[in-house]
Amino acid sequence: MEVIPIIPRGYCYGVVGAIQLVRRVAADPSYPRPIQVLGQIVHNRHVVEELDRLGVVTLDGPDRRQLLDQVRGGTVVFTAHGVSPAIREEAARRGLRVVDATCPDVERTHDLVRRLVAEGYEVLYVGKRHHPEPEGVIGEAPERVHLVESEADLEQLPPEVEKRLRSGPVAVTTQTTLSQWDTQRVIRAIQARYPGVEVYNEICRATQTRQEAAVEAAREADLVLVVGDRRSNNANRLVQVVREVAGKPAYLIDDLDELQPQWLRGARRVAVTAGSSTPSEITRRVIAWLKEQQPVPAEAGGGESR
């Protein structure tokens, strides 16, 4: 079977920096124990399991403040997704040793939002509900930063917020790991509703280039496999853009064990990419296995099991 390894794919510099930072902390006895991460350092279970083997405890859950309440001492690590000022203040108040692994691109969005709010703007933040990155950014000014996941959310804004949006300066910014095509649709709806809105597209370059490469490769492939964790927003968006923009089938797999042979029936060219928090060795195993396979006719029953 012909395999198209999509480039670029996999780890971005923000993920690499976060993982390397925690590895260094785990190896340094000067950091108070236990070392506890508020949430998954990046959204990939293989990475979390590696850090667990190094003695790093991951406190997993949807609410960073509730996770922080579980920390009784030692060292606390803020994940690549960033945290709100309230979390930073509480950790400092309690005298915890803090390690900040926030992605530089996410930190830049925090800086932007702080500046806009200080200048009197209402900010519409295009992001994914229940994801830690929006939780942290919106926490910069919860009364002035408003989450918009889709065009429909614009109709649900509270009347007092709508009044401020109609009368004052308005800016829109975005989560760093969204689909650029989805974001464009929402931003167009915001521009139509609030003429004069200032647009700050904060989708990181790594996310954009991986999406563009996946769409381009998909045009030459019969299907695309995305290797990534189901909780990884950028991995899910890779599947989405291949299906919706390139019009090709795409599947998300955590590792080789999740690959279903029936997906390959009738496929002669399979493209493979990976989310930005997926370890390279996981993706290499998928690519190596695919290269060993012979194309299976679409009408064939069954398929080689792994």
Foldseek 3Di string as FASTA:
>chain_A
DAEAAFPPFAADPLLVQLLVQLVVVLVDPVFFDDEEEQADLAQAVVSVVVSVVSRYHYQHDLDSVVSVVPDPATEYEYHQLAAAVVNVVVCVVNPHHYHYSHRPLLVVLLVVLLVCVVVPEQEEEAEDPSDRNVNHSCNNPVVRYHYDPALVVVVVDDPVNVVCLAPDAYEYEYDQQAQPVRVVRNVVSVCVVRPPYHYDYSNDPVLVVLLVSLLVVLLVWQEEEEAGHPPHNNSVRSQVCNCPVNVHHYYYHPAPQPDDFLVQACTDYYYYHYHNNRDPVRRVVNVVVVVPDDRHHNPDPDGDHD
